[in-house]
Amino acid sequence: MQQYVCQVCGYVYDPEKGDPEGGIAPGTPFEDLPEDWACPLCGVDKDMFEPMEA
């Protein structure tokens, strides 16, 4: 699954791990994250994330 990186702080959202502390189950693709989901490290919105290069 595609990983996404926060352009502000460098946090990597890994769909295989999800965001358990944020209530996001492992296996949740980035595209399926709620619109109000924010970076767990710096708090920016989803639109500040970019797909990681392979």
N, C-alpha and C. Protein backbone atom coordinates (compact mmCIF):
# COMPACT_ATOMS: atom_id res chain seq x y z
N MET A 1 0.84 -1.20 0.00
CA MET A 1 0.00 0.00 0.00
C MET A 1 0.88 1.25 0.00
N GLN A 2 0.35 2.30 -0.60
CA GLN A 2 1.07 3.56 -0.74
C GLN A 2 1.22 4.27 0.60
N GLN A 3 2.45 4.68 0.92
CA GLN A 3 2.69 5.48 2.11
C GLN A 3 2.67 6.95 1.72
N TYR A 4 2.30 7.79 2.69
CA TYR A 4 2.24 9.24 2.47
C TYR A 4 3.08 9.93 3.53
N VAL A 5 3.75 11.02 3.13
CA VAL A 5 4.63 11.74 4.05
C VAL A 5 4.11 13.16 4.26
N CYS A 6 4.15 13.60 5.52
CA CYS A 6 3.76 14.97 5.86
C CYS A 6 4.84 15.93 5.37
N GLN A 7 4.44 16.92 4.59
CA GLN A 7 5.39 17.88 4.03
C GLN A 7 5.89 18.88 5.06
N VAL A 8 5.26 18.91 6.24
CA VAL A 8 5.66 19.85 7.28
C VAL A 8 6.69 19.22 8.23
N CYS A 9 6.38 18.02 8.74
CA CYS A 9 7.26 17.44 9.78
C CYS A 9 7.92 16.13 9.38
N GLY A 10 7.50 15.54 8.25
CA GLY A 10 8.14 14.31 7.80
C GLY A 10 7.50 13.03 8.32
N TYR A 11 6.40 13.14 9.08
CA TYR A 11 5.70 11.94 9.56
C TYR A 11 5.24 11.11 8.36
N VAL A 12 5.43 9.80 8.44
CA VAL A 12 5.01 8.91 7.37
C VAL A 12 3.78 8.13 7.81
N TYR A 13 2.68 8.29 7.05
CA TYR A 13 1.50 7.48 7.29
C TYR A 13 1.67 6.17 6.54
N ASP A 14 1.72 5.07 7.29
CA ASP A 14 1.86 3.74 6.72
C ASP A 14 0.52 3.03 6.88
N PRO A 15 -0.19 2.77 5.75
CA PRO A 15 -1.50 2.15 5.83
C PRO A 15 -1.48 0.79 6.52
N GLU A 16 -0.38 0.08 6.44
CA GLU A 16 -0.32 -1.23 7.09
C GLU A 16 -0.35 -1.11 8.61
N LYS A 17 0.10 0.03 9.13
CA LYS A 17 0.10 0.27 10.58
C LYS A 17 -1.11 1.08 11.02
N GLY A 18 -1.64 1.93 10.13
CA GLY A 18 -2.74 2.81 10.49
C GLY A 18 -2.27 3.88 11.47
N ASP A 19 -3.18 4.38 12.25
CA ASP A 19 -2.89 5.38 13.30
C ASP A 19 -3.72 4.98 14.51
N PRO A 20 -3.29 3.91 15.23
CA PRO A 20 -4.09 3.40 16.35
C PRO A 20 -4.44 4.46 17.39
N GLU A 21 -3.51 5.36 17.68
CA GLU A 21 -3.79 6.41 18.68
C GLU A 21 -4.84 7.38 18.18
N GLY A 22 -4.97 7.50 16.85
CA GLY A 22 -5.97 8.38 16.26
C GLY A 22 -7.24 7.65 15.88
N GLY A 23 -7.34 6.37 16.24
CA GLY A 23 -8.54 5.60 15.96
C GLY A 23 -8.60 5.03 14.55
N ILE A 24 -7.46 4.99 13.85
CA ILE A 24 -7.41 4.48 12.49
C ILE A 24 -6.84 3.06 12.51
N ALA A 25 -7.63 2.11 12.05
CA ALA A 25 -7.24 0.70 12.10
C ALA A 25 -6.13 0.39 11.09
N PRO A 26 -5.26 -0.56 11.42
CA PRO A 26 -4.28 -1.03 10.43
C PRO A 26 -5.00 -1.51 9.17
N GLY A 27 -4.38 -1.25 8.03
CA GLY A 27 -4.97 -1.65 6.76
C GLY A 27 -5.84 -0.57 6.12
N THR A 28 -5.90 0.63 6.74
CA THR A 28 -6.72 1.72 6.21
C THR A 28 -5.91 2.53 5.20
N PRO A 29 -6.30 2.52 3.92
CA PRO A 29 -5.59 3.33 2.92
C PRO A 29 -5.72 4.83 3.24
N PHE A 30 -4.73 5.60 2.85
CA PHE A 30 -4.73 7.04 3.09
C PHE A 30 -6.00 7.68 2.55
N GLU A 31 -6.43 7.23 1.37
CA GLU A 31 -7.62 7.80 0.73
C GLU A 31 -8.88 7.60 1.57
N ASP A 32 -8.88 6.59 2.44
CA ASP A 32 -10.05 6.29 3.26
C ASP A 32 -10.01 6.96 4.64
N LEU A 33 -8.97 7.73 4.92
CA LEU A 33 -8.91 8.44 6.20
C LEU A 33 -10.01 9.49 6.24
N PRO A 34 -10.59 9.75 7.41
CA PRO A 34 -11.62 10.80 7.51
C PRO A 34 -11.05 12.15 7.07
N GLU A 35 -11.91 13.01 6.53
CA GLU A 35 -11.46 14.33 6.08
C GLU A 35 -10.88 15.17 7.21
N ASP A 36 -11.32 14.90 8.45
CA ASP A 36 -10.81 15.69 9.57
C ASP A 36 -9.58 15.06 10.23
N TRP A 37 -9.05 13.98 9.65
CA TRP A 37 -7.83 13.37 10.19
C TRP A 37 -6.68 14.36 10.03
N ALA A 38 -5.81 14.42 11.03
CA ALA A 38 -4.67 15.34 10.99
C ALA A 38 -3.40 14.59 11.35
N CYS A 39 -2.28 15.13 10.94
CA CYS A 39 -0.98 14.54 11.26
C CYS A 39 -0.85 14.39 12.77
N PRO A 40 -0.54 13.17 13.25
CA PRO A 40 -0.44 12.98 14.70
C PRO A 40 0.75 13.68 15.34
N LEU A 41 1.73 14.11 14.54
CA LEU A 41 2.88 14.80 15.12
C LEU A 41 2.73 16.31 15.13
N CYS A 42 2.29 16.88 13.99
CA CYS A 42 2.25 18.35 13.93
C CYS A 42 0.86 18.93 13.75
N GLY A 43 -0.15 18.07 13.46
CA GLY A 43 -1.54 18.52 13.43
C GLY A 43 -2.02 19.13 12.13
N VAL A 44 -1.22 19.09 11.05
CA VAL A 44 -1.71 19.66 9.78
C VAL A 44 -2.71 18.72 9.12
N ASP A 45 -3.48 19.27 8.20
CA ASP A 45 -4.52 18.51 7.50
C ASP A 45 -3.95 17.53 6.49
N LYS A 46 -4.83 16.63 6.03
CA LYS A 46 -4.45 15.62 5.04
C LYS A 46 -3.86 16.21 3.77
N ASP A 47 -4.29 17.43 3.40
CA ASP A 47 -3.81 18.00 2.14
C ASP A 47 -2.34 18.40 2.18
N MET A 48 -1.72 18.30 3.35
CA MET A 48 -0.29 18.59 3.47
C MET A 48 0.56 17.32 3.32
N PHE A 49 -0.07 16.21 2.95
CA PHE A 49 0.63 14.95 2.73
C PHE A 49 0.80 14.68 1.25
N GLU A 50 1.93 14.07 0.90
CA GLU A 50 2.22 13.70 -0.48
C GLU A 50 2.56 12.21 -0.51
N PRO A 51 2.27 11.53 -1.64
CA PRO A 51 2.67 10.13 -1.75
C PRO A 51 4.20 10.02 -1.67
N MET A 52 4.68 8.98 -1.00
CA MET A 52 6.12 8.76 -0.91
C MET A 52 6.61 8.15 -2.21
N GLU A 53 7.81 8.53 -2.59
CA GLU A 53 8.43 7.94 -3.77
C GLU A 53 8.85 6.53 -3.42
N ALA A 54 8.73 5.63 -4.37
CA ALA A 54 9.10 4.23 -4.13
C ALA A 54 10.60 4.06 -4.06
